Protein backbone atom coordinates (compact mmCIF):
# COMPACT_ATOMS: atom_id res chain seq x y z
CA MET A 1 84.25 16.64 -36.26
CA PRO A 2 81.02 18.19 -37.62
CA ALA A 3 80.96 18.83 -41.33
CA THR A 4 80.87 22.43 -42.44
CA THR A 5 78.42 23.74 -45.00
CA GLU A 6 81.24 23.96 -47.53
CA SER A 7 82.41 20.37 -46.99
CA LEU A 8 78.84 19.11 -47.11
CA THR A 9 78.29 20.90 -50.41
CA ALA A 10 81.50 19.41 -51.80
CA ALA A 11 80.34 15.97 -50.69
CA GLU A 12 77.01 16.49 -52.41
CA GLN A 13 78.75 17.56 -55.61
CA SER A 14 80.90 14.44 -55.46
CA ALA A 15 77.78 12.29 -54.95
CA ILE A 16 76.08 13.92 -57.93
CA ARG A 17 79.13 13.29 -60.13
CA THR A 18 79.10 9.64 -59.02
CA VAL A 19 75.42 9.27 -59.93
CA VAL A 20 75.87 10.97 -63.32
CA ARG A 21 78.82 8.74 -64.20
CA SER A 22 76.92 5.57 -63.28
CA PRO A 23 73.97 4.73 -65.57
CA ALA A 24 72.70 2.17 -63.03
CA LEU A 25 72.64 4.73 -60.20
CA MET A 26 71.06 7.36 -62.44
CA LEU A 27 68.33 4.90 -63.46
CA ARG A 28 67.70 3.98 -59.82
CA GLU A 29 67.42 7.63 -58.75
CA SER A 30 65.18 8.48 -61.71
CA LEU A 31 62.80 5.57 -61.10
CA ALA A 32 62.66 6.47 -57.41
CA GLY A 33 61.58 9.96 -58.48
CA VAL A 34 58.85 8.55 -60.74
CA ILE A 35 57.18 6.47 -58.02
CA THR A 36 57.53 9.34 -55.57
CA ALA A 37 55.69 11.68 -57.95
CA LEU A 38 52.87 9.14 -58.33
CA ALA A 39 52.67 8.71 -54.55
CA LEU A 40 52.36 12.48 -54.11
CA ILE A 41 49.26 12.92 -56.26
CA PRO A 42 46.40 11.54 -54.10
CA GLU A 43 47.61 13.09 -50.85
CA VAL A 44 48.30 16.51 -52.37
CA ILE A 45 44.83 16.54 -53.91
CA SER A 46 43.14 15.51 -50.65
CA PHE A 47 45.11 18.16 -48.73
CA SER A 48 43.87 20.84 -51.14
CA VAL A 49 40.33 20.08 -49.97
CA ILE A 50 41.40 20.60 -46.33
CA ALA A 51 43.04 23.91 -47.21
CA GLY A 52 40.02 25.07 -49.21
CA VAL A 53 41.87 25.54 -52.52
CA ASP A 54 41.60 24.05 -56.00
CA PRO A 55 43.54 20.74 -56.44
CA LYS A 56 45.51 22.30 -59.30
CA VAL A 57 46.83 24.94 -56.86
CA SER A 58 48.31 22.31 -54.54
CA LEU A 59 49.72 20.22 -57.40
CA ILE A 60 51.54 23.16 -59.03
CA ALA A 61 52.77 24.40 -55.64
CA SER A 62 54.10 20.89 -54.99
CA VAL A 63 56.04 20.99 -58.26
CA VAL A 64 57.62 24.32 -57.27
CA LEU A 65 58.41 23.09 -53.74
CA CYS A 66 59.90 19.80 -54.91
CA LEU A 67 62.11 21.40 -57.58
CA ALA A 68 63.21 24.29 -55.35
CA MET A 69 64.12 22.06 -52.40
CA SER A 70 66.03 19.70 -54.70
CA VAL A 71 68.46 22.59 -55.11
CA LEU A 72 68.09 24.60 -51.90
CA GLY A 73 67.36 21.97 -49.27
CA GLY A 74 69.83 20.63 -46.72
CA ARG A 75 68.64 17.01 -46.84
CA PRO A 76 69.13 15.20 -50.18
CA ALA A 77 66.37 12.70 -51.15
CA MET A 78 63.79 14.31 -48.84
CA VAL A 79 60.49 15.10 -50.55
CA THR A 80 58.84 18.49 -49.98
CA ALA A 81 55.35 19.32 -51.26
CA ALA A 82 51.98 20.76 -50.21
CA ALA A 83 51.49 18.84 -46.95
CA GLY A 84 48.52 18.06 -44.73
CA SER A 85 49.94 19.68 -41.59
CA VAL A 86 50.28 23.01 -43.42
CA ALA A 87 46.84 22.61 -44.99
CA LEU A 88 45.35 22.17 -41.52
CA VAL A 89 46.59 25.58 -40.35
CA ILE A 90 45.73 27.37 -43.61
CA GLY A 91 42.20 25.94 -43.82
CA PRO A 92 40.56 27.92 -40.99
CA MET A 93 41.90 31.25 -42.30
CA VAL A 94 40.68 30.48 -45.84
CA HIS A 95 37.22 29.43 -44.66
CA GLN A 96 36.88 32.57 -42.52
CA HIS A 97 38.52 35.24 -44.71
CA GLY A 98 38.98 33.75 -48.22
CA VAL A 99 41.80 32.46 -50.43
CA GLY A 100 43.12 35.98 -51.08
CA TYR A 101 44.98 35.97 -47.77
CA ILE A 102 47.00 32.83 -48.53
CA LEU A 103 49.70 34.61 -50.56
CA PRO A 104 50.70 37.21 -47.94
CA ALA A 105 50.49 34.57 -45.18
CA VAL A 106 52.75 32.17 -47.10
CA VAL A 107 55.28 34.92 -47.92
CA MET A 108 55.40 36.00 -44.27
CA ALA A 109 55.85 32.36 -43.18
CA GLY A 110 58.68 31.93 -45.68
CA ILE A 111 60.48 35.00 -44.32
CA ILE A 112 60.20 33.60 -40.77
CA GLN A 113 61.64 30.27 -41.91
CA ILE A 114 64.55 31.99 -43.67
CA LEU A 115 65.33 33.97 -40.50
CA PHE A 116 65.08 30.77 -38.47
CA GLY A 117 67.74 29.16 -40.67
CA VAL A 118 70.01 32.19 -41.02
CA MET A 119 70.07 32.79 -37.25
CA GLY A 120 70.97 29.16 -36.56
CA MET A 121 67.82 28.51 -34.52
CA ALA A 122 67.29 25.18 -36.29
CA ARG A 123 69.76 23.73 -33.77
CA LEU A 124 67.05 24.00 -31.10
CA MET A 125 65.24 21.12 -32.79
CA ARG A 126 68.01 18.74 -31.78
CA PHE A 127 66.76 18.73 -28.19
CA ILE A 128 63.67 16.70 -29.11
CA PRO A 129 63.89 13.45 -27.05
CA GLN A 130 64.06 10.00 -28.63
CA ALA A 131 60.76 9.01 -26.96
CA VAL A 132 59.01 11.87 -28.78
CA MET A 133 60.69 10.87 -32.05
CA THR A 134 59.43 7.29 -31.66
CA GLY A 135 55.91 8.53 -30.96
CA PHE A 136 56.15 10.87 -33.94
CA VAL A 137 57.10 8.00 -36.27
CA ASN A 138 54.44 5.64 -34.88
CA ALA A 139 51.71 8.28 -35.17
CA LEU A 140 52.77 8.93 -38.74
CA GLY A 141 52.39 5.24 -39.60
CA ILE A 142 48.90 5.19 -38.07
CA LEU A 143 47.80 8.36 -39.89
CA ILE A 144 49.10 7.11 -43.24
CA PHE A 145 47.31 3.77 -42.82
CA PHE A 146 43.90 5.15 -41.84
CA ALA A 147 44.06 7.78 -44.59
CA GLN A 148 44.14 4.90 -47.09
CA VAL A 149 41.24 2.86 -45.65
CA PRO A 150 38.47 4.70 -47.57
CA HIS A 151 40.31 3.96 -50.82
CA PHE A 152 40.42 0.16 -50.43
CA TRP A 153 37.67 -0.76 -47.95
CA SER A 154 34.82 -1.20 -50.39
CA LYS A 155 31.87 -3.48 -51.17
CA ASN A 156 33.20 -3.65 -54.73
CA PRO A 157 35.27 -6.87 -54.93
CA TRP A 158 37.40 -5.41 -57.73
CA VAL A 159 38.65 -2.63 -55.45
CA LEU A 160 39.72 -5.17 -52.82
CA ALA A 161 41.26 -7.34 -55.55
CA LEU A 162 43.34 -4.44 -56.90
CA PHE A 163 44.45 -3.56 -53.39
CA ALA A 164 45.50 -7.16 -52.69
CA ALA A 165 47.25 -7.43 -56.08
CA THR A 166 49.19 -4.25 -55.28
CA LEU A 167 50.42 -5.70 -51.99
CA VAL A 168 51.52 -8.92 -53.71
CA ILE A 169 53.36 -7.12 -56.53
CA VAL A 170 55.10 -4.58 -54.28
CA LEU A 171 56.23 -7.21 -51.78
CA PHE A 172 57.24 -10.02 -54.14
CA ALA A 173 58.21 -8.39 -57.47
CA PRO A 174 61.69 -7.41 -56.16
CA ARG A 175 62.54 -11.11 -56.00
CA VAL A 176 62.14 -11.30 -59.78
CA VAL A 177 62.80 -7.78 -61.10
CA LYS A 178 65.46 -5.81 -59.26
CA SER A 179 66.10 -2.94 -61.70
CA ILE A 180 62.58 -1.42 -61.57
CA PRO A 181 60.93 -0.33 -58.29
CA SER A 182 58.05 -2.69 -57.50
CA PRO A 183 55.54 0.15 -56.77
CA LEU A 184 56.07 1.43 -60.32
CA ILE A 185 55.42 -2.07 -61.70
CA ALA A 186 52.19 -2.28 -59.69
CA ILE A 187 50.95 1.14 -60.83
CA VAL A 188 51.63 0.50 -64.54
CA LEU A 189 50.28 -3.07 -64.69
CA LEU A 190 47.16 -2.50 -62.62
CA THR A 191 46.31 0.81 -64.31
CA LEU A 192 46.54 -0.90 -67.70
CA PHE A 193 44.37 -3.74 -66.39
CA THR A 194 41.73 -1.31 -65.15
CA VAL A 195 41.68 0.65 -68.41
CA PHE A 196 41.49 -2.36 -70.75
CA SER A 197 39.10 -4.41 -68.60
CA GLY A 198 36.60 -1.55 -68.54
CA GLN A 199 36.07 -1.74 -64.78
CA LEU A 200 34.54 1.43 -63.33
CA LEU A 201 36.67 1.90 -60.22
CA PRO A 202 37.61 4.99 -58.16
CA THR A 203 40.59 6.71 -59.78
CA VAL A 204 42.80 9.73 -59.17
CA GLY A 205 40.55 11.69 -61.51
CA ASP A 206 37.66 11.26 -59.07
CA GLU A 207 39.60 13.08 -56.34
CA GLY A 208 39.71 16.45 -58.09
CA SER A 209 40.05 18.39 -61.33
CA MET A 210 42.74 17.02 -63.64
CA SER A 211 42.70 19.76 -66.29
CA GLY A 212 46.08 20.31 -67.96
CA GLY A 213 48.08 23.48 -68.46
CA LEU A 214 49.92 25.87 -66.19
CA PRO A 215 48.53 28.76 -64.12
CA GLY A 216 50.02 32.23 -64.10
CA LEU A 217 51.55 34.04 -61.15
CA THR A 218 49.38 34.22 -58.05
CA GLU A 219 47.58 37.56 -57.88
CA LEU A 220 47.62 39.65 -54.72
CA LEU A 221 43.91 40.09 -54.02
CA VAL A 222 44.03 41.85 -50.65
CA PRO A 223 45.54 45.21 -49.58
CA LEU A 224 48.84 45.18 -47.69
CA ASN A 225 47.68 47.04 -44.60
CA LEU A 226 47.43 46.59 -40.83
CA GLN A 227 44.09 44.78 -41.09
CA THR A 228 45.59 42.18 -43.44
CA LEU A 229 48.56 41.75 -41.09
CA GLN A 230 46.18 41.12 -38.17
CA ILE A 231 44.45 38.40 -40.19
CA ILE A 232 47.54 36.63 -41.53
CA TRP A 233 50.12 36.74 -38.74
CA PRO A 234 48.69 33.88 -36.59
CA CYS A 235 48.40 31.69 -39.70
CA ALA A 236 51.88 32.68 -40.94
CA LEU A 237 53.49 31.77 -37.61
CA SER A 238 51.68 28.41 -37.63
CA ILE A 239 52.74 27.68 -41.21
CA ALA A 240 56.35 28.58 -40.40
CA PHE A 241 56.75 26.53 -37.23
CA VAL A 242 54.63 23.54 -38.24
CA GLY A 243 56.48 23.32 -41.56
CA LEU A 244 59.88 23.65 -39.88
CA MET A 245 59.12 21.07 -37.23
CA GLU A 246 57.85 18.48 -39.68
CA SER A 247 60.69 19.10 -42.14
CA LEU A 248 63.46 18.91 -39.53
CA LEU A 249 61.98 15.79 -37.94
CA THR A 250 61.75 14.19 -41.37
CA ALA A 251 65.36 15.17 -42.05
CA LYS A 252 66.34 13.38 -38.83
CA LEU A 253 64.45 10.29 -39.98
CA VAL A 254 66.27 10.26 -43.33
CA ASP A 255 69.59 10.90 -41.56
CA ASP A 256 68.98 7.70 -39.59
CA LEU A 257 67.80 5.66 -42.58
CA THR A 258 70.73 6.63 -44.80
CA VAL A 259 73.35 7.07 -42.05
CA THR A 260 74.30 10.48 -43.47
CA PRO A 261 74.18 13.99 -41.96
CA SER A 262 72.11 16.91 -43.20
CA ASN A 263 72.34 20.67 -42.85
CA LYS A 264 69.36 21.80 -40.77
CA ALA A 265 70.08 25.53 -41.15
CA ARG A 266 70.17 25.20 -44.92
CA GLU A 267 66.97 23.12 -44.80
CA SER A 268 65.18 25.85 -42.84
CA ALA A 269 66.28 28.72 -45.08
CA GLY A 270 65.67 26.66 -48.22
CA LEU A 271 62.14 25.81 -47.09
CA GLY A 272 61.42 29.50 -46.56
CA ILE A 273 62.62 30.43 -50.05
CA ALA A 274 60.72 27.49 -51.60
CA ASN A 275 57.51 28.48 -49.82
CA ILE A 276 57.78 32.07 -51.05
CA LEU A 277 58.28 30.79 -54.62
CA ALA A 278 55.34 28.38 -54.24
CA GLY A 279 53.18 31.18 -52.88
CA PHE A 280 53.82 33.33 -55.95
CA TYR A 281 53.56 30.46 -58.44
CA GLY A 282 51.18 27.81 -57.22
CA GLY A 283 49.54 29.56 -54.34
CA ILE A 284 50.07 27.50 -51.18
CA ALA A 285 52.85 26.52 -48.78
CA GLY A 286 54.25 23.12 -47.88
CA CYS A 287 56.90 21.18 -46.01
CA ALA A 288 58.54 17.76 -46.01
CA MET A 289 56.17 14.84 -46.61
CA ILE A 290 57.33 11.87 -44.59
CA GLY A 291 55.28 9.16 -46.30
CA GLN A 292 56.48 10.14 -49.76
CA THR A 293 60.03 10.54 -48.44
CA ILE A 294 59.86 6.94 -47.20
CA VAL A 295 58.66 5.90 -50.67
CA ASN A 296 61.66 7.66 -52.23
CA VAL A 297 64.31 6.51 -49.75
CA GLU A 298 63.11 3.05 -48.74
CA MET A 299 61.13 1.76 -51.74
CA GLY A 300 62.92 3.60 -54.54
CA LYS A 301 66.34 3.64 -52.82
CA GLY A 302 66.74 7.32 -53.72
CA ARG A 303 69.75 8.91 -52.08
CA SER A 304 70.54 12.08 -54.03
CA ARG A 305 68.92 15.32 -55.16
CA LEU A 306 68.35 13.73 -58.57
CA SER A 307 65.50 11.59 -57.20
CA THR A 308 63.53 14.58 -55.89
CA LEU A 309 64.37 16.64 -59.00
CA VAL A 310 62.93 13.86 -61.18
CA ALA A 311 59.89 13.64 -58.88
CA GLY A 312 59.19 17.34 -59.41
CA LEU A 313 59.65 17.10 -63.19
CA VAL A 314 57.46 13.98 -63.48
CA LEU A 315 54.74 15.62 -61.37
CA LEU A 316 54.94 18.68 -63.65
CA LEU A 317 54.61 16.43 -66.71
CA LEU A 318 51.64 14.59 -65.21
CA VAL A 319 49.85 17.80 -64.23
CA THR A 320 50.38 19.56 -67.55
CA GLY A 321 50.71 17.06 -70.39
CA LEU A 322 49.60 13.71 -69.02
CA SER A 323 46.70 14.74 -66.79
CA GLU A 324 44.34 12.27 -68.50
CA VAL A 325 46.79 9.41 -67.96
CA MET A 326 47.24 10.39 -64.30
CA ALA A 327 43.47 10.53 -63.84
CA ASN A 328 43.17 6.81 -64.76
CA ILE A 329 45.39 5.51 -61.95
CA PRO A 330 43.18 3.48 -59.53
CA MET A 331 43.14 4.84 -56.00
CA ALA A 332 43.22 1.29 -54.61
CA VAL A 333 46.68 0.78 -56.12
CA LEU A 334 48.11 3.95 -54.60
CA ALA A 335 46.44 3.05 -51.30
CA GLY A 336 48.14 -0.35 -51.35
CA ILE A 337 51.56 1.27 -51.79
CA MET A 338 50.95 3.73 -48.97
CA VAL A 339 49.73 0.97 -46.62
CA ILE A 340 53.07 -0.78 -47.07
CA VAL A 341 54.78 2.56 -46.37
CA ALA A 342 52.71 2.89 -43.17
CA VAL A 343 53.69 -0.60 -41.99
CA LYS A 344 57.37 0.07 -42.70
CA THR A 345 57.22 3.46 -40.99
CA PHE A 346 55.78 2.20 -37.71
CA SER A 347 58.38 1.22 -35.08
CA TRP A 348 57.10 -2.25 -34.22
CA HIS A 349 59.98 -2.85 -31.84
CA SER A 350 58.69 -0.06 -29.59
CA ILE A 351 55.47 -1.97 -28.77
CA GLN A 352 56.87 -5.49 -28.45
CA PRO A 353 56.18 -6.89 -24.93
CA ALA A 354 59.86 -7.64 -24.32
CA ALA A 355 60.87 -4.09 -25.31
CA LEU A 356 58.09 -2.52 -23.22
CA LYS A 357 59.19 -4.54 -20.19
CA GLN A 358 62.73 -3.19 -20.48
CA THR A 359 61.68 0.40 -21.30
CA PRO A 360 61.17 2.82 -18.37
CA TRP A 361 57.50 3.72 -17.92
CA SER A 362 58.26 7.43 -18.35
CA VAL A 363 59.63 6.81 -21.85
CA THR A 364 56.53 4.81 -22.79
CA VAL A 365 54.21 7.52 -21.40
CA VAL A 366 55.89 10.22 -23.49
CA MET A 367 55.78 8.04 -26.61
CA VAL A 368 52.08 7.15 -26.14
CA ALA A 369 51.14 10.77 -25.38
CA THR A 370 52.83 11.87 -28.62
CA VAL A 371 50.93 9.22 -30.59
CA ILE A 372 47.53 10.04 -29.02
CA ALA A 373 47.91 13.81 -29.50
CA THR A 374 49.04 13.40 -33.10
CA VAL A 375 46.38 10.91 -34.16
CA SER A 376 43.54 12.80 -32.42
CA THR A 377 44.44 16.15 -34.02
CA GLY A 378 45.89 14.86 -37.31
CA ASN A 379 48.75 17.32 -36.75
CA LEU A 380 52.27 15.95 -36.26
CA ALA A 381 53.55 19.23 -34.81
CA VAL A 382 50.85 19.24 -32.10
CA GLY A 383 51.80 15.67 -31.20
CA VAL A 384 55.48 16.55 -30.84
CA LEU A 385 54.66 19.56 -28.65
CA ALA A 386 52.38 17.40 -26.49
CA GLY A 387 55.16 14.85 -26.02
CA ILE A 388 57.61 17.57 -24.99
CA VAL A 389 55.06 19.03 -22.52
CA ILE A 390 54.44 15.60 -20.94
CA LEU A 391 58.19 15.12 -20.65
CA ALA A 392 58.51 18.49 -18.90
CA LEU A 393 55.80 17.48 -16.41
CA ILE A 394 57.68 14.34 -15.37
CA PRO A 395 59.75 15.14 -12.24
CA ALA A 396 63.44 15.73 -12.93
CA ARG A 397 64.54 12.96 -10.57
CA ILE A 398 62.48 10.41 -12.50
CA ARG A 399 63.82 11.65 -15.83
CA LYS A 400 67.36 11.32 -14.47
CA LEU A 401 66.62 7.86 -13.02
CA HIS A 402 65.25 6.67 -16.35
CA SER A 403 67.89 8.46 -18.42
CA LEU A 404 65.14 10.18 -20.41
CA LYS A 405 67.61 12.40 -22.24
CA ALA A 406 67.17 14.54 -25.31
CA GLU A 407 69.06 13.28 -28.32
CA THR A 408 70.41 15.44 -31.10
CA LEU A 409 68.75 15.43 -34.48
CA SER A 410 72.09 15.29 -36.29
CA PRO A 411 75.84 15.73 -35.91
CA ASP A 412 74.97 19.44 -36.16
CA PRO A 413 76.55 20.11 -39.58
CA GLU A 414 75.29 23.69 -39.60
CA LYS A 415 77.82 24.83 -36.97
């Protein structure tokens, strides 16, 4: 029987009490949050360039999003921050009309997301077929991998050496040290090595401004009139639906990894509120970040809201008080961690010859179409829509013959 919102909340409260009473679990959740915060930094900064805003804007917005969703979200342990898919839809508006229109667009998008959750429309997402989900996950792995290539593919042998050392530490350190996440060990050891050896290597500080301190509230720089509405509404709709789609698909992924349900209606409404807060204090919207969620859930073994709460607090500390320390982290080390995430994310079983031989061709076509559309556009939402369109074009008799059925995203706890 599907869990109600009240029973899910009670279960979460029980889980939190369990974590608080267990020092070992609390340490595990906290360390998972630390490595998640470090994994957020390079991607958030690079996405700020796409969106046409200052890196500090995206970092502070990510702090607000992460902390707000730790409380409001429907999927514990899922990481929400300023994401690339949202940056892609904000960028064109900013380049054409200026950064002043971001705030009203983000607020409007947040209101749409709240309505989406309150009206129970998040349930529509459960009709996304498994073939599209597989393509979504595979495309994500490919995008994460190729985003890291510029950070480790270098003529400088020290960059390649740091990258290789990261892979070795992350993969083999757990055999020796089980209480500390191996990515955190790699970041600390190799950052110290870089600093004390005096090697001039690309670092986080080279990606954008690392000045400390906090900004004030985001100022409204444009008039609230019909002309502004005409400019922002296409962008606001895109932010709302792209953010919802990526967040709910990520929630499904975490549901499967942890074998636990999540409340999609609460996730939708929570994302809307978090985006409004991030718009007013930070200045840009966001959604779930799948790569960093995999870091939290798979590498750090984070399972509760404590892990994402710690991630938000650590990111806040790094941005405000430890910006100089954060700036010294080598990009090759973070790239190594994310490459392992990419490899773990990709569904290798889906492309094995034996599996392909047993899989109906229509399923494979939908999966491949999703991957191609996602990788070519860099937008996960576009890829999912392309997969659904291809599925709709396949004749009904073939879909029935191949049992190409839609599968639910969850046990539908929001009912």
